[in-house]
Protein backbone atom coordinates (compact mmCIF):
# COMPACT_ATOMS: atom_id res chain seq x y z
CA UNK A 1 10.03 -2.03 -17.10
CA UNK A 2 7.05 -0.03 -18.15
CA UNK A 3 4.95 1.63 -16.17
CA UNK A 4 1.77 0.22 -17.18
CA UNK A 5 3.55 -3.51 -16.06
CA UNK A 6 3.99 -2.30 -13.03
CA UNK A 7 0.91 -0.50 -12.23
CA UNK A 8 -0.39 -4.27 -13.34
CA UNK A 9 1.69 -6.24 -11.56
CA UNK A 10 1.82 -3.97 -8.07
CA UNK A 11 -0.59 -5.18 -5.73
CA UNK A 12 -0.45 -5.78 -1.80
CA UNK A 13 1.77 -8.29 -0.63
CA UNK A 14 0.84 -10.24 2.86
CA UNK A 15 3.93 -11.90 3.21
CA UNK A 16 7.26 -10.45 3.37
CA UNK A 17 10.04 -12.44 5.09
CA UNK A 18 11.05 -11.46 8.72
CA UNK A 19 13.86 -12.01 8.37
CA UNK A 20 15.48 -10.14 5.82
CA UNK A 21 16.03 -6.18 6.97
CA UNK A 22 14.92 -3.68 4.50
CA UNK A 23 18.32 -1.06 3.20
CA UNK A 24 17.46 2.44 4.57
CA UNK A 25 18.26 3.75 0.69
CA UNK A 26 15.21 1.78 -0.37
CA UNK A 27 12.83 3.19 2.12
CA UNK A 28 14.50 6.60 1.78
CA UNK A 29 13.90 6.36 -2.19
CA UNK A 30 10.72 5.42 -0.96
CA UNK A 31 10.01 8.56 1.05
CA UNK A 32 11.84 11.08 -1.90
CA UNK A 33 9.12 9.74 -4.39
CA UNK A 34 6.36 10.70 -2.00
CA UNK A 35 8.02 13.73 -1.43
CA UNK A 36 7.65 14.94 -4.64
CA UNK A 37 4.00 13.83 -5.33
CA UNK A 38 1.50 16.66 -6.26
CA UNK A 39 -0.11 18.34 -3.64
CA UNK A 40 -2.92 21.43 -3.55
CA UNK A 41 -1.78 24.44 -2.69
CA UNK A 42 1.85 23.07 -3.00
CA UNK A 43 1.63 22.71 1.03
CA UNK A 44 2.74 19.64 1.54
CA UNK A 45 0.88 17.73 4.37
CA UNK A 46 2.06 14.34 4.37
CA UNK A 47 5.10 13.00 6.58
CA UNK A 48 5.71 9.35 7.75
CA UNK A 49 7.81 7.94 10.50
CA UNK A 50 9.57 4.87 9.58
CA UNK A 51 9.71 2.41 12.04
CA UNK A 52 12.46 -0.12 11.67
CA UNK A 53 12.01 -3.18 13.99
CA UNK A 54 15.44 -3.56 14.30
CA UNK A 55 15.91 -0.37 15.93
CA UNK A 56 12.66 0.65 17.33
CA UNK A 57 11.79 0.78 21.06
CA UNK A 58 9.22 -1.77 22.09
CA UNK A 59 6.42 0.53 23.32
CA UNK A 60 6.18 1.73 19.65
CA UNK A 61 5.75 -1.11 18.27
CA UNK A 62 3.69 -2.20 20.29
CA UNK A 63 1.29 0.66 20.33
CA UNK A 64 1.27 -0.47 15.56
CA UNK A 65 -0.79 -3.71 16.36
CA UNK A 66 -4.29 -3.84 15.10
CA UNK A 67 -6.39 -6.86 16.18
CA UNK A 68 -7.06 -7.53 12.14
CA UNK A 69 -3.28 -7.17 10.87
CA UNK A 70 -1.61 -7.48 13.37
CA UNK A 71 0.25 -10.53 12.43
CA UNK A 72 1.20 -8.48 9.08
CA UNK A 73 3.08 -6.20 11.04
CA UNK A 74 4.29 -8.33 13.26
CA UNK A 75 6.32 -10.14 10.71
CA UNK A 76 7.24 -6.90 8.88
CA UNK A 77 10.76 -5.58 9.24
CA UNK A 78 9.16 -1.93 8.19
CA UNK A 79 6.45 0.01 9.17
CA UNK A 80 5.64 3.09 7.36
CA UNK A 81 3.33 5.08 9.40
CA UNK A 82 2.37 8.16 6.71
CA UNK A 83 0.23 11.05 8.50
CA UNK A 84 -1.17 14.19 7.53
CA UNK A 85 -0.22 17.18 9.73
CA UNK A 86 -2.62 20.04 8.91
CA UNK A 87 -0.83 22.89 10.68
CA UNK A 88 0.97 23.00 7.58
CA UNK A 89 -2.03 24.73 6.06
CA UNK A 90 -0.69 27.70 7.75
CA UNK A 91 2.32 28.25 6.00
CA UNK A 92 0.15 27.92 2.72
CA UNK A 93 0.57 31.74 2.03
CA UNK A 94 4.43 30.89 1.52
CA UNK A 95 4.08 28.07 -0.48
CA UNK A 96 1.96 30.40 -2.93
CA UNK A 97 5.00 32.18 -3.02
CA UNK A 98 7.06 29.87 -3.70
CA UNK A 99 4.68 28.58 -6.60
CA UNK A 100 4.70 32.36 -7.99
CA UNK A 101 8.51 32.51 -7.68
CA UNK A 102 8.92 28.81 -9.54
CA UNK A 103 6.82 30.52 -12.29
CA UNK A 104 4.13 27.81 -11.76
CA UNK A 105 1.43 30.14 -10.85
CA UNK A 106 -0.52 33.14 -12.50
CA UNK A 107 0.78 35.07 -15.21
CA UNK A 108 1.23 38.43 -16.27
CA UNK A 109 3.00 41.63 -14.60
CA UNK A 110 0.04 42.20 -11.95
CA UNK A 111 0.49 39.02 -11.15
CA UNK A 112 2.17 39.42 -7.52
CA UNK A 113 -0.14 41.84 -6.61
CA UNK A 114 -3.17 39.76 -7.61
CA UNK A 115 -1.29 36.60 -5.46
CA UNK A 116 -1.56 39.03 -2.40
CA UNK A 117 -4.71 40.90 -3.09
CA UNK A 118 -6.71 38.21 -4.26
CA UNK A 119 -5.62 35.21 -3.78
CA UNK A 120 -4.60 34.82 -0.36
CA UNK A 121 -7.00 36.32 0.96
CA UNK A 122 -9.20 33.62 -0.05
CA UNK A 123 -7.20 30.66 1.44
CA UNK A 124 -6.46 32.51 4.70
CA UNK A 125 -11.04 32.91 5.02
CA UNK A 126 -10.73 29.25 4.49
CA UNK A 127 -7.89 28.59 6.52
CA UNK A 128 -9.74 26.10 9.12
CA UNK A 129 -11.61 24.33 6.62
CA UNK A 130 -8.99 23.69 4.45
CA UNK A 131 -7.76 21.81 7.55
CA UNK A 132 -10.60 19.36 7.28
CA UNK A 133 -10.44 15.33 5.73
CA UNK A 134 -10.96 15.91 2.05
CA UNK A 135 -8.60 17.21 -0.62
CA UNK A 136 -5.59 17.12 1.72
CA UNK A 137 -6.07 13.29 1.92
CA UNK A 138 -6.52 13.19 -1.60
CA UNK A 139 -2.91 14.15 -2.18
CA UNK A 140 -1.52 12.44 0.77
CA UNK A 141 -2.70 9.21 -1.05
CA UNK A 142 -1.06 10.74 -4.43
CA UNK A 143 2.09 10.40 -2.55
CA UNK A 144 1.99 7.46 -0.75
CA UNK A 145 1.33 5.90 -4.29
CA UNK A 146 4.36 7.07 -5.69
CA UNK A 147 6.00 5.44 -2.72
CA UNK A 148 4.30 2.14 -3.25
CA UNK A 149 5.16 2.13 -6.81
CA UNK A 150 8.80 2.80 -5.84
CA UNK A 151 9.05 0.33 -3.49
CA UNK A 152 7.32 -2.37 -6.32
CA UNK A 153 10.40 -1.27 -8.58
CA UNK A 154 13.03 -1.94 -5.97
CA UNK A 155 12.37 -5.37 -5.32
CA UNK A 156 10.16 -4.68 -2.62
CA UNK A 157 6.72 -5.96 -1.46
CA UNK A 158 4.32 -3.92 0.85
CA UNK A 159 0.54 -3.89 2.42
CA UNK A 160 -1.81 -0.39 2.85
CA UNK A 161 -3.72 -1.28 6.95
CA UNK A 162 -5.85 0.81 8.57
CA UNK A 163 -5.76 0.64 12.31
CA UNK A 164 -8.33 1.81 15.10
CA UNK A 165 -5.41 3.16 17.91
CA UNK A 166 -4.67 6.50 15.90
CA UNK A 167 -4.36 8.62 18.98
CA UNK A 168 -2.00 5.47 20.24
CA UNK A 169 0.11 5.85 17.54
CA UNK A 170 0.25 9.45 17.41
CA UNK A 171 1.18 9.46 21.62
CA UNK A 172 3.97 7.04 21.17
CA UNK A 173 5.58 8.72 18.56
CA UNK A 174 5.22 12.16 19.67
CA UNK A 175 3.08 13.36 16.82
CA UNK A 176 1.08 17.16 17.44
CA UNK A 177 -2.31 17.14 17.71
CA UNK A 178 -2.65 18.92 14.56
CA UNK A 179 -1.57 15.26 12.53
CA UNK A 180 -3.96 12.87 11.92
CA UNK A 181 -2.51 9.61 10.71
CA UNK A 182 -3.62 7.83 7.92
CA UNK A 183 -2.62 4.32 7.36
CA UNK A 184 0.37 2.04 8.38
CA UNK A 185 2.20 0.34 5.24
CA UNK A 186 4.64 -2.57 6.28
CA UNK A 187 7.28 -3.25 4.11
CA UNK A 188 9.54 -5.80 2.80
CA UNK A 189 10.65 -8.05 0.74
CA UNK A 190 8.27 -10.26 -0.53
CA UNK A 191 7.79 -13.75 0.84
CA UNK A 192 4.46 -14.50 -1.30
CA UNK A 193 4.73 -14.99 -5.38
CA UNK A 194 4.94 -12.03 -6.67
CA UNK A 195 1.25 -12.35 -8.46
CA UNK A 196 -0.07 -12.87 -4.72
CA UNK A 197 -2.57 -14.97 -6.15
CA UNK A 198 -3.10 -13.00 -9.67
CA UNK A 199 -5.50 -10.36 -10.28
CA UNK A 200 -7.92 -8.97 -7.43
CA UNK A 201 -11.88 -8.93 -8.39
CA UNK A 202 -12.76 -5.32 -9.51
CA UNK A 203 -16.01 -3.94 -9.93
CA UNK A 204 -17.29 -3.87 -14.13
CA UNK A 205 -15.72 -0.98 -15.63
CA UNK A 206 -18.98 0.84 -16.62
CA UNK A 207 -20.04 0.89 -13.19
CA UNK A 208 -17.83 1.95 -11.98
CA UNK A 209 -17.21 5.70 -14.35
CA UNK A 210 -19.98 7.55 -16.26
CA UNK A 211 -19.35 10.55 -19.01
CA UNK A 212 -21.29 13.41 -18.58
CA UNK A 213 -23.57 12.49 -15.71
CA UNK A 214 -23.82 9.68 -13.71
CA UNK A 215 -26.39 7.57 -16.04
CA UNK A 216 -24.55 7.01 -19.13
CA UNK A 217 -21.32 4.95 -18.51
CA UNK A 218 -17.65 6.08 -20.01
CA UNK A 219 -17.61 3.75 -23.30
CA UNK A 220 -15.16 0.95 -23.18
CA UNK A 221 -12.85 0.62 -26.19
CA UNK A 222 -11.83 -2.97 -26.63
CA UNK A 223 -8.84 -2.12 -28.28
CA UNK A 224 -7.50 0.00 -25.75
CA UNK A 225 -8.15 -2.86 -23.19
CA UNK A 226 -6.16 -4.97 -25.53
CA UNK A 227 -3.64 -2.76 -26.13
CA UNK A 228 -3.08 -2.82 -22.16
CA UNK A 229 -3.19 -6.20 -22.20
CA UNK A 230 -0.97 -6.42 -24.37
CA UNK A 231 1.36 -3.83 -22.14
CA UNK A 232 0.71 -6.43 -18.95
CA UNK A 233 -1.25 -4.07 -17.49
CA UNK A 234 -3.90 -6.87 -17.20
CA UNK A 235 -2.66 -10.03 -15.39
CA UNK A 236 -4.18 -13.47 -14.57
CA UNK A 237 -7.47 -13.39 -12.89
CA UNK A 238 -7.42 -14.48 -9.34
CA UNK A 239 -7.36 -17.14 -7.98
CA UNK A 240 -4.39 -19.34 -9.56
CA UNK A 241 -4.63 -22.77 -9.36
CA UNK A 242 -1.44 -23.18 -6.49
CA UNK A 243 -2.62 -20.70 -4.42
CA UNK A 244 -3.82 -22.45 -1.70
CA UNK A 245 -0.94 -24.72 -1.35
CA UNK A 246 1.01 -21.17 -1.20
CA UNK A 247 -0.81 -20.16 1.37
CA UNK A 248 -0.43 -23.14 3.34
CA UNK A 249 3.29 -23.31 3.25
CA UNK A 250 3.30 -19.48 4.18
CA UNK A 251 0.98 -20.22 7.34
CA UNK A 252 3.48 -22.38 8.25
CA UNK A 253 6.93 -21.14 7.44
CA UNK A 254 5.48 -17.95 9.59
CA UNK A 255 3.27 -19.89 12.65
CA UNK A 256 0.03 -18.04 11.65
CA UNK A 257 -1.41 -20.13 13.88
CA UNK A 258 -5.28 -18.89 14.24
CA UNK A 259 -5.28 -16.23 11.51
CA UNK A 260 -7.59 -17.84 9.15
CA UNK A 261 -8.25 -14.80 7.51
CA UNK A 262 -4.85 -13.42 5.38
């Protein structure tokens, strides 16, 4: 399947089969995809704890539940807790040296001296600021996105969820104080249709992207839109005519009484 088609069809799947476990080799492929994602300075601060419903202790599973999306966490056979470890920044110098040895950083005969005497001292001076929320979260997001695409490629459905219980989750999972929980990602085999109701509403292209300043919209070429439509990147807009009937069926099948917002 072409990447454009994968992007177009991949969307959050909230309803997964609670009775069908996810094979570990499929989860591993997701983690492998996240591991090779780009990260500033090759720091690789993205880490994850995979929580399997069939094998995890009850106190860990209980810590994951959230007031809004708790039913999704309860239903999913796997929940990946993605987190950022700021302590990885402390080894920044060695990561830069690895990049230089790999031929991915610097050029010319003096590149090693430039690294040791110029670049590394700069990073050392701003070490603590690099641990603050910002670029690290962006690059972690790239890794999570690659894991999500890998999940879709393997026939799995996922949904990324926020949680107010980050401190409790960190404590129950035994994560260090240097770690920030980013999000929870439910993983399972889809119980709803792959369309999941159709393409979600999106803000107009012209309002989101600009050229050479905030006052001018980036020109949207209709020919490019037509090309991407032909490749399957843009799918039928929601709601699909049968979506409400599907939701009623799923609600009954999963015994979601009282959950009006899904």
